[in-house]
Amino acid sequence: MNRHPFLISFVAILTLIGSVWFTWQRHFRAPDFPVPLHEAVGSVLATELLRELQRPGEILVLTLDDDASPILATQLAALRATLAKSPHLRIGKVVALESDKKGKYGPGTGLSSSKLAREIGKFPQAIAVVSLVGLPSLDDTELKAMGELRPPLFGVCRDRRKLETLARHQWLRSAIVPRFEFPAPGPEEPKLPREWFDRQFQIVTAPEPPASASR
């Protein structure tokens, strides 16, 4: 019986050590991804929004919980910081998606057309939608079925082939994709965040509508 207080104290100490270790790992350990690169992703995406959208309004952002993806948390923080400099655009709603299937969502991937339509319907005042979890691949029939509520789309997408229909129908405004055109612009040994961005990513935009369509 004399051992019980010792065992209780020992377990309490182990619990405290575990808690401290978890806190350190979560808040103080160096990230295992290139932070400046993903800060540049968020900043460039915000710059595209400011370039494309001239009227004031609120933006809907689709992402994951910060704990689920530190990369997306970094991109979102940079997006916020850059948009905070704008007098007319602001983030009206951030939706942290929950994946039904483990690993479904991630940086630049996972968003389905049904989920996109559902979240737009919940926030119809959005003048634009930003997805950090990819953009859906749609055919013409699926696109038509989504209805008329289609605010301009911006996002990060791992697979640029998914963007063809969205771009052709002028729904996509701008997306960041892995670089596919080489040589990359900028120095061969990048140092600045934007230089690293240009080495690994590039921006794709929807083609300009024909002159007759804009009359």
N, C-alpha and C. Protein backbone atom coordinates (compact mmCIF):
# COMPACT_ATOMS: atom_id res chain seq x y z
N MET A 1 0.82 -1.21 0.00
CA MET A 1 0.00 0.00 0.00
C MET A 1 0.86 1.26 0.00
N ASN A 2 2.06 1.14 0.59
CA ASN A 2 2.91 2.32 0.63
C ASN A 2 3.40 2.74 -0.76
N ARG A 3 3.29 1.80 -1.72
CA ARG A 3 3.78 2.10 -3.05
C ARG A 3 2.77 2.93 -3.86
N HIS A 4 1.49 2.93 -3.46
CA HIS A 4 0.47 3.59 -4.26
C HIS A 4 0.73 5.08 -4.45
N PRO A 5 1.06 5.84 -3.40
CA PRO A 5 1.34 7.27 -3.61
C PRO A 5 2.50 7.49 -4.59
N PHE A 6 3.52 6.59 -4.50
CA PHE A 6 4.65 6.73 -5.41
C PHE A 6 4.21 6.49 -6.85
N LEU A 7 3.40 5.46 -7.05
CA LEU A 7 2.93 5.15 -8.41
C LEU A 7 2.07 6.29 -8.96
N ILE A 8 1.21 6.83 -8.11
CA ILE A 8 0.35 7.93 -8.55
C ILE A 8 1.19 9.14 -8.95
N SER A 9 2.20 9.44 -8.11
CA SER A 9 3.08 10.57 -8.42
C SER A 9 3.86 10.32 -9.71
N PHE A 10 4.32 9.08 -9.89
CA PHE A 10 5.09 8.74 -11.08
C PHE A 10 4.24 8.90 -12.35
N VAL A 11 2.99 8.41 -12.29
CA VAL A 11 2.09 8.53 -13.44
C VAL A 11 1.79 10.00 -13.72
N ALA A 12 1.61 10.79 -12.65
CA ALA A 12 1.32 12.22 -12.84
C ALA A 12 2.48 12.93 -13.51
N ILE A 13 3.71 12.56 -13.10
CA ILE A 13 4.90 13.17 -13.70
C ILE A 13 5.00 12.79 -15.18
N LEU A 14 4.75 11.52 -15.49
CA LEU A 14 4.79 11.09 -16.88
C LEU A 14 3.75 11.82 -17.72
N THR A 15 2.57 12.01 -17.15
CA THR A 15 1.51 12.72 -17.86
C THR A 15 1.91 14.16 -18.13
N LEU A 16 2.52 14.80 -17.11
CA LEU A 16 2.97 16.18 -17.28
C LEU A 16 4.04 16.28 -18.36
N ILE A 17 5.00 15.34 -18.34
CA ILE A 17 6.06 15.35 -19.35
C ILE A 17 5.47 15.17 -20.74
N GLY A 18 4.51 14.25 -20.85
CA GLY A 18 3.86 14.02 -22.15
C GLY A 18 3.14 15.25 -22.65
N SER A 19 2.47 15.96 -21.73
CA SER A 19 1.75 17.17 -22.11
C SER A 19 2.70 18.26 -22.58
N VAL A 20 3.80 18.43 -21.86
CA VAL A 20 4.80 19.43 -22.24
C VAL A 20 5.40 19.09 -23.59
N TRP A 21 5.72 17.81 -23.80
CA TRP A 21 6.30 17.38 -25.07
C TRP A 21 5.33 17.64 -26.21
N PHE A 22 4.06 17.32 -26.04
CA PHE A 22 3.06 17.54 -27.09
C PHE A 22 2.94 19.02 -27.41
N THR A 23 2.93 19.87 -26.36
CA THR A 23 2.83 21.31 -26.58
C THR A 23 4.03 21.84 -27.34
N TRP A 24 5.21 21.35 -26.96
CA TRP A 24 6.43 21.78 -27.66
C TRP A 24 6.39 21.35 -29.11
N GLN A 25 6.01 20.12 -29.36
CA GLN A 25 5.96 19.61 -30.73
C GLN A 25 5.00 20.43 -31.57
N ARG A 26 3.89 20.82 -30.97
CA ARG A 26 2.84 21.50 -31.72
C ARG A 26 3.20 22.97 -31.98
N HIS A 27 3.80 23.64 -31.01
CA HIS A 27 3.95 25.08 -31.12
C HIS A 27 5.39 25.56 -31.39
N PHE A 28 6.39 24.75 -31.03
CA PHE A 28 7.75 25.25 -31.09
C PHE A 28 8.66 24.49 -32.05
N ARG A 29 8.30 23.30 -32.43
CA ARG A 29 9.13 22.55 -33.35
C ARG A 29 9.12 23.21 -34.72
N ALA A 30 10.25 23.22 -35.37
CA ALA A 30 10.34 23.81 -36.70
C ALA A 30 9.43 23.05 -37.67
N PRO A 31 8.67 23.76 -38.50
CA PRO A 31 7.79 23.08 -39.47
C PRO A 31 8.59 22.19 -40.41
N ASP A 32 7.96 21.11 -40.86
CA ASP A 32 8.64 20.19 -41.77
C ASP A 32 8.27 20.48 -43.22
N PHE A 33 7.93 21.74 -43.53
CA PHE A 33 7.64 22.14 -44.90
C PHE A 33 8.19 23.56 -45.09
N PRO A 34 8.41 23.98 -46.33
CA PRO A 34 9.00 25.31 -46.57
C PRO A 34 7.97 26.43 -46.35
N VAL A 35 8.01 27.02 -45.18
CA VAL A 35 7.03 28.04 -44.81
C VAL A 35 7.01 29.22 -45.78
N PRO A 36 8.16 29.82 -46.15
CA PRO A 36 8.12 30.97 -47.08
C PRO A 36 7.45 30.64 -48.41
N LEU A 37 7.64 29.42 -48.90
CA LEU A 37 7.03 29.03 -50.16
C LEU A 37 5.50 29.07 -50.06
N HIS A 38 4.95 28.55 -48.97
CA HIS A 38 3.50 28.50 -48.85
C HIS A 38 2.92 29.84 -48.39
N GLU A 39 3.72 30.65 -47.75
CA GLU A 39 3.31 32.04 -47.53
C GLU A 39 3.18 32.75 -48.87
N ALA A 40 4.09 32.46 -49.77
CA ALA A 40 4.02 33.05 -51.11
C ALA A 40 2.78 32.58 -51.85
N VAL A 41 2.40 31.32 -51.69
CA VAL A 41 1.18 30.80 -52.33
C VAL A 41 -0.04 31.62 -51.89
N GLY A 42 -0.18 31.81 -50.58
CA GLY A 42 -1.31 32.59 -50.07
C GLY A 42 -1.28 34.03 -50.53
N SER A 43 -0.10 34.62 -50.52
CA SER A 43 0.04 36.02 -50.92
C SER A 43 -0.25 36.21 -52.40
N VAL A 44 0.26 35.31 -53.25
CA VAL A 44 0.02 35.41 -54.69
C VAL A 44 -1.47 35.21 -54.98
N LEU A 45 -2.10 34.29 -54.30
CA LEU A 45 -3.53 34.06 -54.51
C LEU A 45 -4.33 35.31 -54.15
N ALA A 46 -3.98 35.96 -53.05
CA ALA A 46 -4.66 37.20 -52.66
C ALA A 46 -4.43 38.29 -53.70
N THR A 47 -3.22 38.35 -54.23
CA THR A 47 -2.91 39.35 -55.26
C THR A 47 -3.77 39.13 -56.50
N GLU A 48 -4.01 37.87 -56.85
CA GLU A 48 -4.88 37.56 -57.98
C GLU A 48 -6.31 38.01 -57.71
N LEU A 49 -6.77 37.81 -56.50
CA LEU A 49 -8.12 38.27 -56.13
C LEU A 49 -8.22 39.79 -56.28
N LEU A 50 -7.24 40.49 -55.78
CA LEU A 50 -7.27 41.95 -55.84
C LEU A 50 -7.17 42.45 -57.28
N ARG A 51 -6.48 41.71 -58.13
CA ARG A 51 -6.36 42.10 -59.53
C ARG A 51 -7.65 41.87 -60.29
N GLU A 52 -8.33 40.78 -59.99
CA GLU A 52 -9.52 40.40 -60.75
C GLU A 52 -10.81 41.04 -60.25
N LEU A 53 -10.90 41.31 -58.96
CA LEU A 53 -12.15 41.79 -58.38
C LEU A 53 -12.05 43.27 -58.04
N GLN A 54 -12.85 44.06 -58.69
CA GLN A 54 -12.80 45.51 -58.50
C GLN A 54 -13.91 46.02 -57.59
N ARG A 55 -14.98 45.24 -57.43
CA ARG A 55 -16.08 45.72 -56.58
C ARG A 55 -15.92 45.21 -55.16
N PRO A 56 -16.45 45.93 -54.17
CA PRO A 56 -16.31 45.49 -52.77
C PRO A 56 -17.17 44.26 -52.49
N GLY A 57 -16.77 43.50 -51.51
CA GLY A 57 -17.57 42.35 -51.13
C GLY A 57 -16.83 41.38 -50.25
N GLU A 58 -17.49 40.25 -49.97
CA GLU A 58 -16.95 39.23 -49.07
C GLU A 58 -16.58 37.97 -49.85
N ILE A 59 -15.56 37.31 -49.36
CA ILE A 59 -15.02 36.13 -50.03
C ILE A 59 -15.25 34.90 -49.15
N LEU A 60 -15.61 33.80 -49.80
CA LEU A 60 -15.76 32.51 -49.13
C LEU A 60 -14.48 31.71 -49.34
N VAL A 61 -13.91 31.20 -48.26
CA VAL A 61 -12.66 30.42 -48.34
C VAL A 61 -12.92 29.00 -47.84
N LEU A 62 -12.48 28.02 -48.62
CA LEU A 62 -12.61 26.61 -48.27
C LEU A 62 -11.22 26.06 -47.96
N THR A 63 -11.09 25.46 -46.78
CA THR A 63 -9.79 24.96 -46.35
C THR A 63 -10.00 23.81 -45.37
N LEU A 64 -9.00 23.51 -44.55
CA LEU A 64 -9.10 22.52 -43.48
C LEU A 64 -8.76 23.19 -42.16
N ASP A 65 -9.04 22.50 -41.06
CA ASP A 65 -8.63 23.01 -39.75
C ASP A 65 -7.12 23.20 -39.73
N ASP A 66 -6.67 24.19 -38.96
CA ASP A 66 -5.23 24.46 -38.86
C ASP A 66 -4.47 23.21 -38.40
N ASP A 67 -5.05 22.47 -37.45
CA ASP A 67 -4.36 21.27 -36.95
C ASP A 67 -4.28 20.18 -38.01
N ALA A 68 -5.25 20.16 -38.91
CA ALA A 68 -5.27 19.12 -39.94
C ALA A 68 -4.23 19.35 -41.01
N SER A 69 -3.89 20.62 -41.27
CA SER A 69 -2.91 20.92 -42.31
C SER A 69 -2.20 22.22 -42.01
N PRO A 70 -1.01 22.15 -41.40
CA PRO A 70 -0.23 23.36 -41.17
C PRO A 70 0.11 24.10 -42.47
N ILE A 71 0.24 23.37 -43.57
CA ILE A 71 0.50 24.02 -44.85
C ILE A 71 -0.65 24.95 -45.22
N LEU A 72 -1.88 24.44 -45.12
CA LEU A 72 -3.03 25.28 -45.45
C LEU A 72 -3.21 26.41 -44.45
N ALA A 73 -2.86 26.18 -43.19
CA ALA A 73 -2.91 27.26 -42.20
C ALA A 73 -1.96 28.38 -42.59
N THR A 74 -0.78 28.01 -43.10
CA THR A 74 0.20 29.00 -43.53
C THR A 74 -0.31 29.76 -44.75
N GLN A 75 -0.88 29.06 -45.71
CA GLN A 75 -1.42 29.72 -46.90
C GLN A 75 -2.56 30.67 -46.53
N LEU A 76 -3.44 30.23 -45.65
CA LEU A 76 -4.57 31.06 -45.25
C LEU A 76 -4.11 32.31 -44.51
N ALA A 77 -3.14 32.18 -43.63
CA ALA A 77 -2.63 33.33 -42.89
C ALA A 77 -2.05 34.37 -43.84
N ALA A 78 -1.32 33.92 -44.86
CA ALA A 78 -0.75 34.86 -45.84
C ALA A 78 -1.84 35.48 -46.71
N LEU A 79 -2.84 34.69 -47.04
CA LEU A 79 -3.99 35.22 -47.79
C LEU A 79 -4.67 36.32 -47.00
N ARG A 80 -4.91 36.08 -45.72
CA ARG A 80 -5.54 37.08 -44.85
C ARG A 80 -4.69 38.36 -44.78
N ALA A 81 -3.40 38.18 -44.56
CA ALA A 81 -2.52 39.33 -44.37
C ALA A 81 -2.49 40.22 -45.60
N THR A 82 -2.48 39.61 -46.78
CA THR A 82 -2.44 40.40 -48.01
C THR A 82 -3.78 41.08 -48.27
N LEU A 83 -4.87 40.37 -48.06
CA LEU A 83 -6.20 40.96 -48.28
C LEU A 83 -6.50 42.05 -47.26
N ALA A 84 -5.87 41.98 -46.09
CA ALA A 84 -6.11 42.99 -45.05
C ALA A 84 -5.67 44.38 -45.52
N LYS A 85 -4.82 44.43 -46.53
CA LYS A 85 -4.36 45.71 -47.07
C LYS A 85 -5.36 46.32 -48.05
N SER A 86 -6.39 45.53 -48.40
CA SER A 86 -7.37 46.00 -49.38
C SER A 86 -8.50 46.76 -48.69
N PRO A 87 -8.94 47.88 -49.27
CA PRO A 87 -10.06 48.61 -48.69
C PRO A 87 -11.42 48.06 -49.09
N HIS A 88 -11.44 47.13 -50.04
CA HIS A 88 -12.75 46.71 -50.54
C HIS A 88 -13.03 45.21 -50.47
N LEU A 89 -12.01 44.38 -50.30
CA LEU A 89 -12.24 42.94 -50.21
C LEU A 89 -11.93 42.43 -48.82
N ARG A 90 -12.77 41.51 -48.34
CA ARG A 90 -12.47 40.89 -47.05
C ARG A 90 -13.00 39.47 -47.04
N ILE A 91 -12.40 38.64 -46.21
CA ILE A 91 -12.86 37.27 -46.06
C ILE A 91 -14.11 37.27 -45.19
N GLY A 92 -15.22 36.87 -45.77
CA GLY A 92 -16.49 36.87 -45.05
C GLY A 92 -16.74 35.59 -44.29
N LYS A 93 -16.22 34.47 -44.82
CA LYS A 93 -16.46 33.18 -44.17
C LYS A 93 -15.35 32.21 -44.55
N VAL A 94 -14.87 31.48 -43.54
CA VAL A 94 -13.88 30.42 -43.75
C VAL A 94 -14.54 29.11 -43.36
N VAL A 95 -14.58 28.17 -44.27
CA VAL A 95 -15.16 26.85 -44.00
C VAL A 95 -14.03 25.83 -43.89
N ALA A 96 -13.91 25.23 -42.72
CA ALA A 96 -12.93 24.15 -42.50
C ALA A 96 -13.63 22.83 -42.80
N LEU A 97 -13.33 22.25 -43.93
CA LEU A 97 -14.02 21.03 -44.37
C LEU A 97 -13.59 19.83 -43.55
N GLU A 98 -14.53 18.93 -43.37
CA GLU A 98 -14.24 17.67 -42.68
C GLU A 98 -14.36 16.55 -43.69
N SER A 99 -13.31 15.78 -43.80
CA SER A 99 -13.28 14.71 -44.78
C SER A 99 -14.01 13.47 -44.25
N ASP A 100 -14.92 12.92 -45.09
CA ASP A 100 -15.58 11.67 -44.72
C ASP A 100 -14.62 10.48 -44.87
N LYS A 101 -13.69 10.63 -45.78
CA LYS A 101 -12.69 9.58 -46.00
C LYS A 101 -11.32 10.10 -45.59
N LYS A 102 -10.62 9.31 -44.83
CA LYS A 102 -9.31 9.73 -44.35
C LYS A 102 -8.39 10.06 -45.53
N GLY A 103 -7.83 11.26 -45.48
CA GLY A 103 -6.92 11.65 -46.53
C GLY A 103 -7.57 12.20 -47.78
N LYS A 104 -8.88 12.38 -47.76
CA LYS A 104 -9.55 12.88 -48.96
C LYS A 104 -9.09 14.29 -49.30
N TYR A 105 -9.04 15.16 -48.29
CA TYR A 105 -8.66 16.54 -48.53
C TYR A 105 -7.19 16.77 -48.18
N GLY A 106 -6.60 17.70 -48.91
CA GLY A 106 -5.23 18.10 -48.62
C GLY A 106 -4.92 19.36 -49.39
N PRO A 107 -3.72 19.89 -49.27
CA PRO A 107 -3.35 21.09 -50.03
C PRO A 107 -3.54 20.88 -51.53
N GLY A 108 -4.45 21.63 -52.11
CA GLY A 108 -4.67 21.58 -53.55
C GLY A 108 -5.46 20.40 -54.05
N THR A 109 -6.12 19.66 -53.18
CA THR A 109 -6.84 18.47 -53.65
C THR A 109 -8.01 18.11 -52.73
N GLY A 110 -9.03 17.47 -53.32
CA GLY A 110 -10.11 16.91 -52.52
C GLY A 110 -11.49 17.48 -52.75
N LEU A 111 -11.61 18.74 -53.17
CA LEU A 111 -12.93 19.37 -53.25
C LEU A 111 -13.77 18.76 -54.36
N SER A 112 -15.01 18.40 -54.02
CA SER A 112 -15.94 17.84 -55.00
C SER A 112 -16.92 18.92 -55.46
N SER A 113 -17.58 18.68 -56.58
CA SER A 113 -18.55 19.64 -57.10
C SER A 113 -19.74 19.78 -56.16
N SER A 114 -20.16 18.67 -55.54
CA SER A 114 -21.31 18.73 -54.63
C SER A 114 -20.98 19.55 -53.39
N LYS A 115 -19.77 19.37 -52.86
CA LYS A 115 -19.37 20.15 -51.68
C LYS A 115 -19.22 21.61 -52.03
N LEU A 116 -18.68 21.91 -53.17
CA LEU A 116 -18.55 23.30 -53.61
C LEU A 116 -19.92 23.95 -53.73
N ALA A 117 -20.86 23.27 -54.39
CA ALA A 117 -22.20 23.83 -54.56
C ALA A 117 -22.89 24.03 -53.21
N ARG A 118 -22.71 23.10 -52.30
CA ARG A 118 -23.34 23.18 -50.99
C ARG A 118 -22.83 24.39 -50.21
N GLU A 119 -21.54 24.60 -50.22
CA GLU A 119 -20.97 25.71 -49.44
C GLU A 119 -21.29 27.06 -50.08
N ILE A 120 -21.36 27.12 -51.39
CA ILE A 120 -21.77 28.37 -52.05
C ILE A 120 -23.21 28.69 -51.68
N GLY A 121 -24.06 27.67 -51.65
CA GLY A 121 -25.46 27.88 -51.28
C GLY A 121 -25.64 28.40 -49.87
N LYS A 122 -24.71 28.05 -48.97
CA LYS A 122 -24.79 28.51 -47.59
C LYS A 122 -24.29 29.95 -47.42
N PHE A 123 -23.59 30.46 -48.42
CA PHE A 123 -23.03 31.81 -48.31
C PHE A 123 -23.20 32.51 -49.67
N PRO A 124 -24.45 32.76 -50.06
CA PRO A 124 -24.73 33.27 -51.41
C PRO A 124 -24.23 34.69 -51.66
N GLN A 125 -23.91 35.43 -50.60
CA GLN A 125 -23.43 36.80 -50.80
C GLN A 125 -21.97 36.88 -51.22
N ALA A 126 -21.29 35.74 -51.28
CA ALA A 126 -19.87 35.76 -51.66
C ALA A 126 -19.71 36.28 -53.08
N ILE A 127 -18.76 37.20 -53.26
CA ILE A 127 -18.47 37.69 -54.61
C ILE A 127 -17.35 36.87 -55.25
N ALA A 128 -16.77 35.95 -54.48
CA ALA A 128 -15.76 35.05 -55.00
C ALA A 128 -15.57 33.89 -54.02
N VAL A 129 -15.10 32.76 -54.56
CA VAL A 129 -14.81 31.59 -53.74
C VAL A 129 -13.34 31.23 -53.92
N VAL A 130 -12.65 31.02 -52.81
CA VAL A 130 -11.26 30.59 -52.83
C VAL A 130 -11.17 29.21 -52.20
N SER A 131 -10.63 28.26 -52.94
CA SER A 131 -10.45 26.91 -52.40
C SER A 131 -8.96 26.59 -52.31
N LEU A 132 -8.53 26.29 -51.09
CA LEU A 132 -7.16 25.83 -50.87
C LEU A 132 -7.07 24.31 -50.96
N VAL A 133 -8.21 23.66 -51.15
CA VAL A 133 -8.27 22.19 -51.21
C VAL A 133 -8.68 21.72 -52.61
N GLY A 134 -8.15 22.38 -53.61
CA GLY A 134 -8.38 21.94 -54.98
C GLY A 134 -9.66 22.48 -55.57
N LEU A 135 -9.86 22.15 -56.83
CA LEU A 135 -11.07 22.53 -57.56
C LEU A 135 -11.59 21.29 -58.27
N PRO A 136 -12.92 21.16 -58.38
CA PRO A 136 -13.47 19.92 -58.93
C PRO A 136 -13.36 19.83 -60.44
N SER A 137 -13.28 18.61 -60.93
CA SER A 137 -13.31 18.35 -62.36
C SER A 137 -14.77 18.16 -62.78
N LEU A 138 -15.25 19.02 -63.66
CA LEU A 138 -16.66 18.99 -64.06
C LEU A 138 -16.78 18.85 -65.57
N ASP A 139 -17.79 18.12 -66.01
CA ASP A 139 -18.13 18.16 -67.43
C ASP A 139 -19.24 19.20 -67.62
N ASP A 140 -19.64 19.44 -68.84
CA ASP A 140 -20.60 20.50 -69.13
C ASP A 140 -21.95 20.24 -68.44
N THR A 141 -22.36 18.97 -68.39
CA THR A 141 -23.65 18.64 -67.76
C THR A 141 -23.62 18.93 -66.26
N GLU A 142 -22.53 18.53 -65.60
CA GLU A 142 -22.40 18.78 -64.16
C GLU A 142 -22.35 20.27 -63.87
N LEU A 143 -21.68 21.00 -64.72
CA LEU A 143 -21.57 22.44 -64.52
C LEU A 143 -22.94 23.10 -64.63
N LYS A 144 -23.72 22.68 -65.61
CA LYS A 144 -25.06 23.23 -65.79
C LYS A 144 -25.95 22.91 -64.60
N ALA A 145 -25.78 21.71 -64.04
CA ALA A 145 -26.61 21.27 -62.92
C ALA A 145 -26.35 22.07 -61.66
N MET A 146 -25.23 22.76 -61.58
CA MET A 146 -24.91 23.53 -60.39
C MET A 146 -25.71 24.82 -60.31
N GLY A 147 -26.40 25.19 -61.38
CA GLY A 147 -27.27 26.37 -61.34
C GLY A 147 -26.54 27.65 -61.67
N GLU A 148 -27.21 28.76 -61.41
CA GLU A 148 -26.69 30.06 -61.80
C GLU A 148 -25.83 30.73 -60.73
N LEU A 149 -25.90 30.24 -59.51
CA LEU A 149 -25.14 30.86 -58.42
C LEU A 149 -23.70 30.39 -58.50
N ARG A 150 -22.89 31.12 -59.28
CA ARG A 150 -21.51 30.69 -59.51
C ARG A 150 -20.58 31.90 -59.39
N PRO A 151 -20.24 32.30 -58.17
CA PRO A 151 -19.28 33.39 -58.01
C PRO A 151 -17.92 32.97 -58.56
N PRO A 152 -17.10 33.91 -59.00
CA PRO A 152 -15.79 33.58 -59.57
C PRO A 152 -14.97 32.68 -58.65
N LEU A 153 -14.29 31.72 -59.28
CA LEU A 153 -13.50 30.75 -58.53
C LEU A 153 -12.01 31.07 -58.60
N PHE A 154 -11.35 30.93 -57.45
CA PHE A 154 -9.91 31.05 -57.34
C PHE A 154 -9.45 29.86 -56.49
N GLY A 155 -8.23 29.42 -56.66
CA GLY A 155 -7.81 28.32 -55.80
C GLY A 155 -6.42 27.81 -56.08
N VAL A 156 -6.10 26.75 -55.35
CA VAL A 156 -4.86 26.01 -55.51
C VAL A 156 -5.24 24.60 -55.92
N CYS A 157 -4.66 24.11 -57.01
CA CYS A 157 -5.08 22.81 -57.54
C CYS A 157 -3.85 22.02 -57.99
N ARG A 158 -3.74 20.79 -57.53
CA ARG A 158 -2.59 19.96 -57.91
C ARG A 158 -2.65 19.52 -59.37
N ASP A 159 -3.86 19.33 -59.89
CA ASP A 159 -4.03 18.78 -61.24
C ASP A 159 -4.69 19.83 -62.12
N ARG A 160 -3.93 20.44 -63.01
CA ARG A 160 -4.48 21.51 -63.84
C ARG A 160 -5.50 21.00 -64.85
N ARG A 161 -5.50 19.69 -65.14
CA ARG A 161 -6.47 19.14 -66.09
C ARG A 161 -7.89 19.28 -65.60
N LYS A 162 -8.06 19.37 -64.27
CA LYS A 162 -9.40 19.53 -63.71
C LYS A 162 -10.00 20.90 -64.00
N LEU A 163 -9.18 21.81 -64.46
CA LEU A 163 -9.61 23.20 -64.61
C LEU A 163 -10.17 23.51 -65.99
N GLU A 164 -10.09 22.58 -66.92
CA GLU A 164 -10.42 22.87 -68.31
C GLU A 164 -11.85 23.37 -68.48
N THR A 165 -12.82 22.64 -67.94
CA THR A 165 -14.22 23.05 -68.10
C THR A 165 -14.50 24.34 -67.35
N LEU A 166 -13.97 24.47 -66.15
CA LEU A 166 -14.18 25.68 -65.37
C LEU A 166 -13.63 26.91 -66.11
N ALA A 167 -12.48 26.76 -66.72
CA ALA A 167 -11.88 27.87 -67.46
C ALA A 167 -12.65 28.17 -68.73
N ARG A 168 -13.06 27.14 -69.44
CA ARG A 168 -13.77 27.34 -70.71
C ARG A 168 -15.09 28.06 -70.50
N HIS A 169 -15.73 27.82 -69.37
CA HIS A 169 -17.01 28.47 -69.08
C HIS A 169 -16.84 29.76 -68.29
N GLN A 170 -15.61 30.23 -68.16
CA GLN A 170 -15.33 31.51 -67.51
C GLN A 170 -15.71 31.52 -66.03
N TRP A 171 -15.82 30.34 -65.41
CA TRP A 171 -16.11 30.31 -63.98
C TRP A 171 -14.80 30.47 -63.20
N LEU A 172 -13.79 29.78 -63.66
CA LEU A 172 -12.47 29.93 -63.04
C LEU A 172 -11.86 31.27 -63.44
N ARG A 173 -11.37 32.00 -62.45
CA ARG A 173 -10.66 33.23 -62.74
C ARG A 173 -9.15 33.03 -62.68
N SER A 174 -8.70 32.36 -61.62
CA SER A 174 -7.26 32.20 -61.45
C SER A 174 -6.99 31.03 -60.51
N ALA A 175 -5.98 30.24 -60.85
CA ALA A 175 -5.61 29.10 -60.00
C ALA A 175 -4.10 28.94 -59.98
N ILE A 176 -3.61 28.50 -58.85
CA ILE A 176 -2.18 28.19 -58.69
C ILE A 176 -2.02 26.69 -58.85
N VAL A 177 -1.13 26.29 -59.75
CA VAL A 177 -0.90 24.87 -60.04
C VAL A 177 0.59 24.58 -60.02
N PRO A 178 0.98 23.30 -59.88
CA PRO A 178 2.41 22.96 -59.99
C PRO A 178 2.96 23.39 -61.35
N ARG A 179 4.17 23.88 -61.35
CA ARG A 179 4.75 24.40 -62.59
C ARG A 179 4.82 23.33 -63.66
N PHE A 180 4.38 23.69 -64.88
CA PHE A 180 4.43 22.78 -66.01
C PHE A 180 5.11 23.41 -67.23
N GLU A 181 5.45 24.68 -67.12
CA GLU A 181 6.18 25.35 -68.19
C GLU A 181 7.61 25.62 -67.72
N PHE A 182 8.55 25.21 -68.54
CA PHE A 182 9.95 25.36 -68.18
C PHE A 182 10.72 25.97 -69.36
N PRO A 183 11.80 26.67 -69.12
CA PRO A 183 12.40 26.92 -67.81
C PRO A 183 11.57 27.89 -66.97
N ALA A 184 11.67 27.74 -65.67
CA ALA A 184 10.95 28.63 -64.76
C ALA A 184 11.57 30.01 -64.80
N PRO A 185 10.74 31.05 -64.63
CA PRO A 185 11.30 32.40 -64.59
C PRO A 185 12.11 32.63 -63.32
N GLY A 186 12.91 33.67 -63.35
CA GLY A 186 13.68 34.02 -62.16
C GLY A 186 15.03 33.33 -62.11
N PRO A 187 15.78 33.59 -61.04
CA PRO A 187 17.14 33.04 -60.92
C PRO A 187 17.12 31.53 -60.71
N GLU A 188 18.22 30.89 -61.11
CA GLU A 188 18.34 29.45 -60.94
C GLU A 188 18.50 29.07 -59.47
N GLU A 189 18.99 29.98 -58.67
CA GLU A 189 19.12 29.74 -57.23
C GLU A 189 18.25 30.77 -56.50
N PRO A 190 16.96 30.48 -56.37
CA PRO A 190 16.05 31.46 -55.76
C PRO A 190 16.35 31.69 -54.29
N LYS A 191 16.06 32.89 -53.83
CA LYS A 191 16.25 33.26 -52.43
C LYS A 191 14.97 33.84 -51.83
N LEU A 192 14.27 34.65 -52.61
CA LEU A 192 13.05 35.29 -52.12
C LEU A 192 11.85 34.34 -52.24
N PRO A 193 10.84 34.51 -51.38
CA PRO A 193 9.66 33.64 -51.45
C PRO A 193 9.02 33.59 -52.83
N ARG A 194 8.87 34.76 -53.49
CA ARG A 194 8.25 34.76 -54.82
C ARG A 194 9.12 34.02 -55.83
N GLU A 195 10.41 34.09 -55.67
CA GLU A 195 11.30 33.35 -56.57
C GLU A 195 11.13 31.85 -56.39
N TRP A 196 11.00 31.41 -55.14
CA TRP A 196 10.74 30.00 -54.88
C TRP A 196 9.38 29.59 -55.44
N PHE A 197 8.40 30.47 -55.28
CA PHE A 197 7.06 30.21 -55.84
C PHE A 197 7.15 29.97 -57.34
N ASP A 198 7.85 30.85 -58.05
CA ASP A 198 7.93 30.74 -59.50
C ASP A 198 8.69 29.50 -59.95
N ARG A 199 9.55 28.98 -59.11
CA ARG A 199 10.26 27.74 -59.46
C ARG A 199 9.33 26.53 -59.37
N GLN A 200 8.37 26.57 -58.44
CA GLN A 200 7.57 25.38 -58.18
C GLN A 200 6.11 25.49 -58.61
N PHE A 201 5.61 26.71 -58.75
CA PHE A 201 4.21 26.91 -59.10
C PHE A 201 4.08 27.92 -60.25
N GLN A 202 2.89 27.95 -60.82
CA GLN A 202 2.57 29.00 -61.76
C GLN A 202 1.07 29.26 -61.71
N ILE A 203 0.67 30.35 -62.31
CA ILE A 203 -0.73 30.78 -62.28
C ILE A 203 -1.37 30.48 -63.63
N VAL A 204 -2.56 29.89 -63.60
CA VAL A 204 -3.35 29.73 -64.82
C VAL A 204 -4.62 30.55 -64.66
N THR A 205 -5.06 31.15 -65.74
CA THR A 205 -6.26 31.98 -65.74
C THR A 205 -7.17 31.56 -66.87
N ALA A 206 -8.43 31.92 -66.75
CA ALA A 206 -9.38 31.62 -67.82
C ALA A 206 -9.08 32.50 -69.02
N PRO A 207 -9.27 31.98 -70.23
CA PRO A 207 -9.06 32.81 -71.40
C PRO A 207 -10.07 33.95 -71.45
N GLU A 208 -9.66 35.05 -72.03
CA GLU A 208 -10.57 36.17 -72.17
C GLU A 208 -11.74 35.78 -73.07
N PRO A 209 -12.99 36.17 -72.71
CA PRO A 209 -14.13 35.86 -73.57
C PRO A 209 -13.99 36.60 -74.89
N PRO A 210 -14.53 36.02 -75.98
CA PRO A 210 -14.48 36.71 -77.26
C PRO A 210 -15.19 38.05 -77.20
N ALA A 211 -14.78 38.97 -78.05
CA ALA A 211 -15.35 40.32 -78.01
C ALA A 211 -16.85 40.31 -78.17
N SER A 212 -17.36 39.41 -79.01
CA SER A 212 -18.82 39.37 -79.23
C SER A 212 -19.56 38.95 -77.99
N ALA A 213 -18.91 38.15 -77.11
CA ALA A 213 -19.58 37.67 -75.89
C ALA A 213 -19.68 38.75 -74.84
N SER A 214 -18.83 39.77 -74.93
CA SER A 214 -18.83 40.80 -73.89
C SER A 214 -19.73 41.97 -74.23
N ARG A 215 -20.37 41.95 -75.42
CA ARG A 215 -21.25 43.05 -75.82
C ARG A 215 -22.64 42.87 -75.24
